[in-house]
Amino acid sequence: GSHDSFSYWVDEKSPVGPDQATAIKRLARISLVKKIMKKWSVTQNLTFKEQLEGGIRYFDLRVSSKPGEIGQEIYFIHGLFGIKVWDGLKEINTFLEQHPKEVIFLDFNHFYAMDDSHHFFLINRIHSAFGSKLCSVECVEYVTLQYMWEKKHQVLIFYHYPLYQNYPFLWPGNKMPAPWANTTNVHKLLQFLETTLEERSRYGTFHVSQAILTPRVKTIARHLVRGLKNTLVHRNLPMILNWVKAQKPGVMGVNIITSDFVELVDFAATVIALNDLLLEDDESAT
């Protein structure tokens, strides 16, 4: 999976998003501030299509309306506004049309400046984009690839807002826990990932290990121009990748792992290769 999957493009010309503090919104009237914000808002370089082609199958999505804009259009957001959600969904659906056996997870986990009418608009967009590819809520253990292929389903939508109850194709957010370390220290991050794996629910939910470091205000202040990638990601990715390589998938093991800038190391290939351990277990069992 990728963290803030949509953030490969953010609009410096748009107003600062409603996910930001008032003080940041005031500061952002200075054009240089938005340029700096962009360096810290972008967590991916690859488009949805490129991420999909590289093996990413779980997408972490934050969305917002644009306050003051007429209509109910919804955009991706991380500090600054990204592309329209509709455009992203169409791009993903094009890939799925070309690869009918691929299955993806779309996790809508943060909503900003949205009332119920915005949610109805967005849910309608999701249904328009994917239609019969959407997998209705089921017991998690039943949802095997075989099950998905037989039903011709390709998309699981996780929706962290109460309206999910009204739609059979919206999975509740609590089926996709994604504990967050909120640290700049790679050793604390790895300890957190270990601890939360131990606490993982044995049945009934998926599970996201967020292998990401989060800048604090003072981190940004000290390294304004360098940005997230050069300050935190580059130097710590090798250690994070070593942790990934040491994991085992399956019950009580890792399930979904997310990272920033997924193309900088062999992240997707390393995660995907863990599945071979399940095959080895199957062979030894038979």
Protein backbone atom coordinates (compact mmCIF):
# COMPACT_ATOMS: atom_id res chain seq x y z
CA GLY A 1 0.00 0.00 0.00
CA SER A 2 0.94 3.66 -0.34
CA HIS A 3 0.50 6.41 2.27
CA ASP A 4 -1.46 9.50 1.15
CA SER A 5 -1.62 7.71 -2.18
CA PHE A 6 -3.00 10.67 -4.16
CA SER A 7 -0.42 13.28 -3.10
CA TYR A 8 1.78 12.98 -6.20
CA TRP A 9 0.13 16.21 -7.41
CA VAL A 10 -1.04 19.08 -5.23
CA ASP A 11 -2.20 22.49 -6.40
CA GLU A 12 -0.04 25.37 -5.15
CA LYS A 13 -2.55 27.82 -6.63
CA SER A 14 -5.50 26.50 -4.62
CA PRO A 15 -6.35 27.71 -1.12
CA VAL A 16 -4.83 25.80 1.80
CA GLY A 17 -7.04 22.88 2.74
CA PRO A 18 -9.49 22.72 5.67
CA ASP A 19 -7.26 19.99 7.16
CA GLN A 20 -4.79 22.73 8.20
CA ALA A 21 -4.68 24.98 11.28
CA THR A 22 -5.83 28.62 11.00
CA ALA A 23 -2.27 29.88 11.56
CA ILE A 24 -1.02 27.91 8.52
CA LYS A 25 -3.88 29.28 6.40
CA ARG A 26 -2.84 32.83 7.31
CA LEU A 27 0.83 32.15 6.59
CA ALA A 28 -0.03 30.58 3.26
CA ARG A 29 -1.02 33.96 1.87
CA ILE A 30 2.73 34.31 1.25
CA SER A 31 3.42 32.40 -1.99
CA LEU A 32 6.72 30.94 -0.75
CA VAL A 33 4.87 29.22 2.12
CA LYS A 34 2.79 27.16 -0.32
CA LYS A 35 5.95 26.05 -2.14
CA ILE A 36 7.34 24.83 1.20
CA MET A 37 4.01 23.19 2.07
CA LYS A 38 4.16 21.28 -1.19
CA LYS A 39 7.57 19.82 -0.24
CA TRP A 40 6.02 18.44 2.94
CA SER A 41 2.57 17.51 1.54
CA VAL A 42 3.78 15.30 -1.31
CA THR A 43 4.40 11.72 -0.07
CA GLN A 44 4.31 9.92 -3.43
CA ASN A 45 5.90 10.56 -6.84
CA LEU A 46 3.86 8.06 -8.87
CA THR A 47 0.35 8.51 -10.27
CA PHE A 48 -2.37 5.97 -9.42
CA LYS A 49 -1.71 4.19 -12.72
CA GLU A 50 2.04 4.03 -12.05
CA GLN A 51 1.49 2.82 -8.48
CA LEU A 52 -0.87 0.10 -9.71
CA GLU A 53 1.63 -0.98 -12.36
CA GLY A 54 4.30 -1.10 -9.64
CA GLY A 55 2.24 -3.50 -7.48
CA ILE A 56 0.46 -1.16 -5.05
CA ARG A 57 -3.03 -2.48 -4.21
CA TYR A 58 -4.05 -0.52 -1.07
CA PHE A 59 -4.68 3.23 -1.36
CA ASP A 60 -4.88 5.60 1.62
CA LEU A 61 -7.30 8.42 0.71
CA ARG A 62 -8.17 11.78 2.33
CA VAL A 63 -10.83 13.90 0.71
CA SER A 64 -12.46 17.31 1.02
CA SER A 65 -14.86 19.72 -0.60
CA LYS A 66 -13.47 23.13 -1.59
CA PRO A 67 -15.07 25.65 0.77
CA GLY A 68 -16.68 28.44 -1.23
CA GLU A 69 -16.93 26.40 -4.44
CA ILE A 70 -20.40 25.95 -5.92
CA GLY A 71 -21.54 22.33 -6.18
CA GLN A 72 -20.38 19.26 -4.29
CA GLU A 73 -17.17 18.32 -6.11
CA ILE A 74 -14.76 16.36 -3.90
CA TYR A 75 -10.97 16.54 -4.10
CA PHE A 76 -8.08 14.62 -2.60
CA ILE A 77 -6.30 16.65 0.07
CA HIS A 78 -3.09 16.72 2.09
CA GLY A 79 -2.41 20.28 3.19
CA LEU A 80 -3.08 21.43 -0.37
CA PHE A 81 -5.80 20.22 -2.74
CA GLY A 82 -5.04 17.40 -5.17
CA ILE A 83 -6.96 16.16 -8.20
CA LYS A 84 -10.73 15.57 -8.27
CA VAL A 85 -11.60 12.22 -6.69
CA TRP A 86 -13.66 11.36 -9.79
CA ASP A 87 -10.58 11.66 -12.01
CA GLY A 88 -8.61 9.36 -9.71
CA LEU A 89 -11.39 6.75 -9.61
CA LYS A 90 -11.62 6.73 -13.41
CA GLU A 91 -7.85 6.21 -13.70
CA ILE A 92 -8.00 3.28 -11.26
CA ASN A 93 -11.01 1.76 -13.03
CA THR A 94 -9.20 1.87 -16.39
CA PHE A 95 -6.44 -0.28 -14.87
CA LEU A 96 -8.99 -2.72 -13.43
CA GLU A 97 -10.73 -3.04 -16.81
CA GLN A 98 -7.40 -4.07 -18.33
CA HIS A 99 -6.53 -6.45 -15.43
CA PRO A 100 -9.77 -8.27 -14.47
CA LYS A 101 -8.10 -10.50 -11.85
CA GLU A 102 -6.57 -7.64 -9.84
CA VAL A 103 -8.18 -6.60 -6.55
CA ILE A 104 -7.69 -3.23 -4.82
CA PHE A 105 -8.55 -1.64 -1.47
CA LEU A 106 -9.63 2.03 -1.37
CA ASP A 107 -9.57 3.38 2.19
CA PHE A 108 -11.45 6.69 2.54
CA ASN A 109 -10.32 7.51 6.06
CA HIS A 110 -10.32 11.31 6.43
CA PHE A 111 -13.09 13.69 5.33
CA TYR A 112 -12.92 17.49 5.55
CA ALA A 113 -15.54 20.20 5.00
CA MET A 114 -18.13 17.57 4.04
CA ASP A 115 -21.76 17.32 5.13
CA ASP A 116 -24.08 14.42 4.28
CA SER A 117 -24.89 15.89 0.85
CA HIS A 118 -21.17 15.82 -0.04
CA HIS A 119 -20.98 12.21 1.14
CA PHE A 120 -23.98 11.21 -0.98
CA PHE A 121 -22.30 12.86 -3.98
CA LEU A 122 -19.00 11.03 -3.34
CA ILE A 123 -20.64 7.64 -2.72
CA ASN A 124 -22.59 8.04 -5.95
CA ARG A 125 -19.29 8.77 -7.76
CA ILE A 126 -17.72 5.63 -6.29
CA HIS A 127 -20.68 3.54 -7.44
CA SER A 128 -20.66 5.16 -10.91
CA ALA A 129 -16.93 4.47 -11.31
CA PHE A 130 -16.89 0.80 -10.30
CA GLY A 131 -20.46 -0.56 -10.45
CA SER A 132 -20.53 -4.36 -10.24
CA LYS A 133 -16.78 -4.48 -9.43
CA LEU A 134 -17.63 -3.38 -5.86
CA CYS A 135 -17.49 -6.14 -3.27
CA SER A 136 -20.27 -6.02 -0.67
CA VAL A 137 -19.42 -6.32 3.00
CA GLU A 138 -18.72 -9.92 3.94
CA CYS A 139 -17.01 -11.84 6.70
CA VAL A 140 -13.35 -10.89 6.03
CA GLU A 141 -12.21 -14.53 6.07
CA TYR A 142 -14.54 -15.37 3.16
CA VAL A 143 -13.03 -12.78 0.85
CA THR A 144 -10.41 -14.82 -0.94
CA LEU A 145 -9.14 -14.08 -4.44
CA GLN A 146 -11.16 -17.09 -5.61
CA TYR A 147 -14.31 -15.55 -4.11
CA MET A 148 -13.58 -12.20 -5.81
CA TRP A 149 -12.91 -13.82 -9.19
CA GLU A 150 -16.10 -15.91 -9.07
CA LYS A 151 -18.20 -12.81 -8.28
CA LYS A 152 -16.19 -10.62 -10.71
CA HIS A 153 -15.50 -8.18 -7.87
CA GLN A 154 -12.31 -6.11 -7.85
CA VAL A 155 -12.79 -3.26 -5.37
CA LEU A 156 -13.22 -3.10 -1.59
CA ILE A 157 -14.15 0.38 -0.34
CA PHE A 158 -13.56 1.28 3.33
CA TYR A 159 -15.55 4.32 4.43
CA HIS A 160 -14.86 5.90 7.82
CA TYR A 161 -18.17 7.77 8.17
CA PRO A 162 -21.53 6.54 9.56
CA LEU A 163 -23.29 6.65 6.16
CA TYR A 164 -21.48 3.41 5.23
CA GLN A 165 -24.39 1.67 6.99
CA ASN A 166 -26.73 2.68 4.14
CA TYR A 167 -24.72 0.98 1.38
CA PRO A 168 -23.87 -2.72 1.11
CA PHE A 169 -20.66 -1.95 -0.86
CA LEU A 170 -19.15 0.33 1.81
CA TRP A 171 -17.08 -1.52 4.38
CA PRO A 172 -16.89 0.12 7.83
CA GLY A 173 -13.62 1.82 8.72
CA ASN A 174 -13.17 -0.44 11.76
CA LYS A 175 -12.57 -3.35 9.36
CA MET A 176 -9.34 -1.61 8.30
CA PRO A 177 -7.45 -0.51 11.46
CA ALA A 178 -4.28 1.45 10.64
CA PRO A 179 -2.47 2.39 13.87
CA TRP A 180 -0.15 5.38 13.44
CA ALA A 181 3.20 5.78 15.21
CA ASN A 182 3.37 9.60 14.79
CA THR A 183 7.14 9.74 15.26
CA THR A 184 10.25 11.01 13.45
CA ASN A 185 12.41 8.31 15.08
CA VAL A 186 12.85 5.16 13.00
CA HIS A 187 13.63 2.98 16.06
CA LYS A 188 10.42 4.11 17.78
CA LEU A 189 8.52 3.44 14.54
CA LEU A 190 9.80 -0.14 14.27
CA GLN A 191 9.02 -0.78 17.95
CA PHE A 192 5.49 0.56 17.36
CA LEU A 193 5.01 -1.66 14.30
CA GLU A 194 6.08 -4.71 16.35
CA THR A 195 3.78 -3.84 19.25
CA THR A 196 0.72 -3.17 17.08
CA LEU A 197 1.23 -6.46 15.21
CA GLU A 198 1.12 -8.25 18.57
CA GLU A 199 -2.17 -6.47 19.35
CA ARG A 200 -3.67 -7.23 15.94
CA SER A 201 -7.13 -8.79 15.91
CA ARG A 202 -6.83 -12.47 15.05
CA TYR A 203 -10.00 -12.54 12.92
CA GLY A 204 -12.58 -10.25 11.36
CA THR A 205 -10.47 -7.32 10.17
CA PHE A 206 -7.73 -6.41 7.77
CA HIS A 207 -4.71 -4.60 9.24
CA VAL A 208 -2.42 -1.81 8.03
CA SER A 209 1.17 -1.43 9.23
CA GLN A 210 2.00 2.23 8.48
CA ALA A 211 5.77 2.12 7.92
CA ILE A 212 6.00 5.91 7.77
CA LEU A 213 7.72 8.68 9.72
CA THR A 214 5.76 11.84 10.51
CA PRO A 215 7.45 15.26 10.64
CA ARG A 216 6.84 17.46 13.66
CA VAL A 217 6.54 21.25 13.38
CA LYS A 218 10.16 21.66 14.52
CA THR A 219 11.31 19.07 11.92
CA ILE A 220 9.70 21.17 9.20
CA ALA A 221 11.10 24.42 10.68
CA ARG A 222 14.65 23.04 10.72
CA HIS A 223 14.54 21.58 7.21
CA LEU A 224 12.11 23.89 5.46
CA VAL A 225 13.51 23.67 1.97
CA ARG A 226 14.63 20.04 2.03
CA GLY A 227 11.13 18.64 2.35
CA LEU A 228 9.84 15.30 3.60
CA LYS A 229 11.64 13.03 1.15
CA ASN A 230 15.13 14.43 1.74
CA THR A 231 14.74 14.94 5.50
CA LEU A 232 13.03 11.78 6.75
CA VAL A 233 12.34 9.27 4.01
CA HIS A 234 15.60 8.74 2.08
CA ARG A 235 17.86 7.94 5.02
CA ASN A 236 15.38 5.77 6.93
CA LEU A 237 13.89 3.68 4.12
CA PRO A 238 16.65 1.02 4.17
CA MET A 239 15.97 0.26 7.87
CA ILE A 240 12.23 0.19 7.28
CA LEU A 241 12.70 -2.16 4.32
CA ASN A 242 14.85 -4.48 6.45
CA TRP A 243 11.99 -4.67 8.96
CA VAL A 244 9.58 -5.55 6.12
CA LYS A 245 11.90 -8.32 4.88
CA ALA A 246 11.92 -9.90 8.36
CA GLN A 247 8.10 -10.17 8.55
CA LYS A 248 5.78 -13.09 7.99
CA PRO A 249 2.31 -12.74 6.47
CA GLY A 250 -0.84 -14.52 7.59
CA VAL A 251 -2.76 -14.64 10.87
CA MET A 252 -1.02 -12.42 13.46
CA GLY A 253 1.61 -11.49 10.87
CA VAL A 254 1.67 -8.50 8.54
CA ASN A 255 -1.27 -7.91 6.24
CA ILE A 256 -1.05 -4.54 4.43
CA ILE A 257 2.09 -2.39 4.70
CA THR A 258 2.15 1.26 3.58
CA SER A 259 5.10 3.51 2.81
CA ASP A 260 5.93 6.96 1.46
CA PHE A 261 7.57 7.25 -1.98
CA VAL A 262 7.00 3.60 -2.77
CA GLU A 263 9.32 3.63 -5.78
CA LEU A 264 12.49 4.73 -3.93
CA VAL A 265 13.36 1.16 -2.90
CA ASP A 266 11.99 -2.23 -3.93
CA PHE A 267 9.13 -1.69 -1.49
CA ALA A 268 6.22 -3.27 -3.40
CA ALA A 269 8.33 -6.19 -4.66
CA THR A 270 9.60 -6.85 -1.11
CA VAL A 271 6.07 -6.88 0.36
CA ILE A 272 4.72 -9.04 -2.46
CA ALA A 273 7.59 -11.53 -2.01
CA LEU A 274 6.42 -12.19 1.58
CA ASN A 275 3.50 -14.12 0.07
CA ASP A 276 5.97 -16.81 -1.01
CA LEU A 277 6.32 -17.69 2.69
CA LEU A 278 2.62 -18.61 2.74
CA LEU A 279 3.16 -20.91 -0.23
CA GLU A 280 6.08 -22.58 1.57
CA ASP A 281 3.88 -23.12 4.63
CA ASP A 282 1.19 -24.69 2.42
CA GLU A 283 3.71 -27.02 0.81
CA SER A 284 5.17 -28.12 4.13
CA ALA A 285 1.64 -28.72 5.47
CA THR A 286 0.79 -31.02 2.55
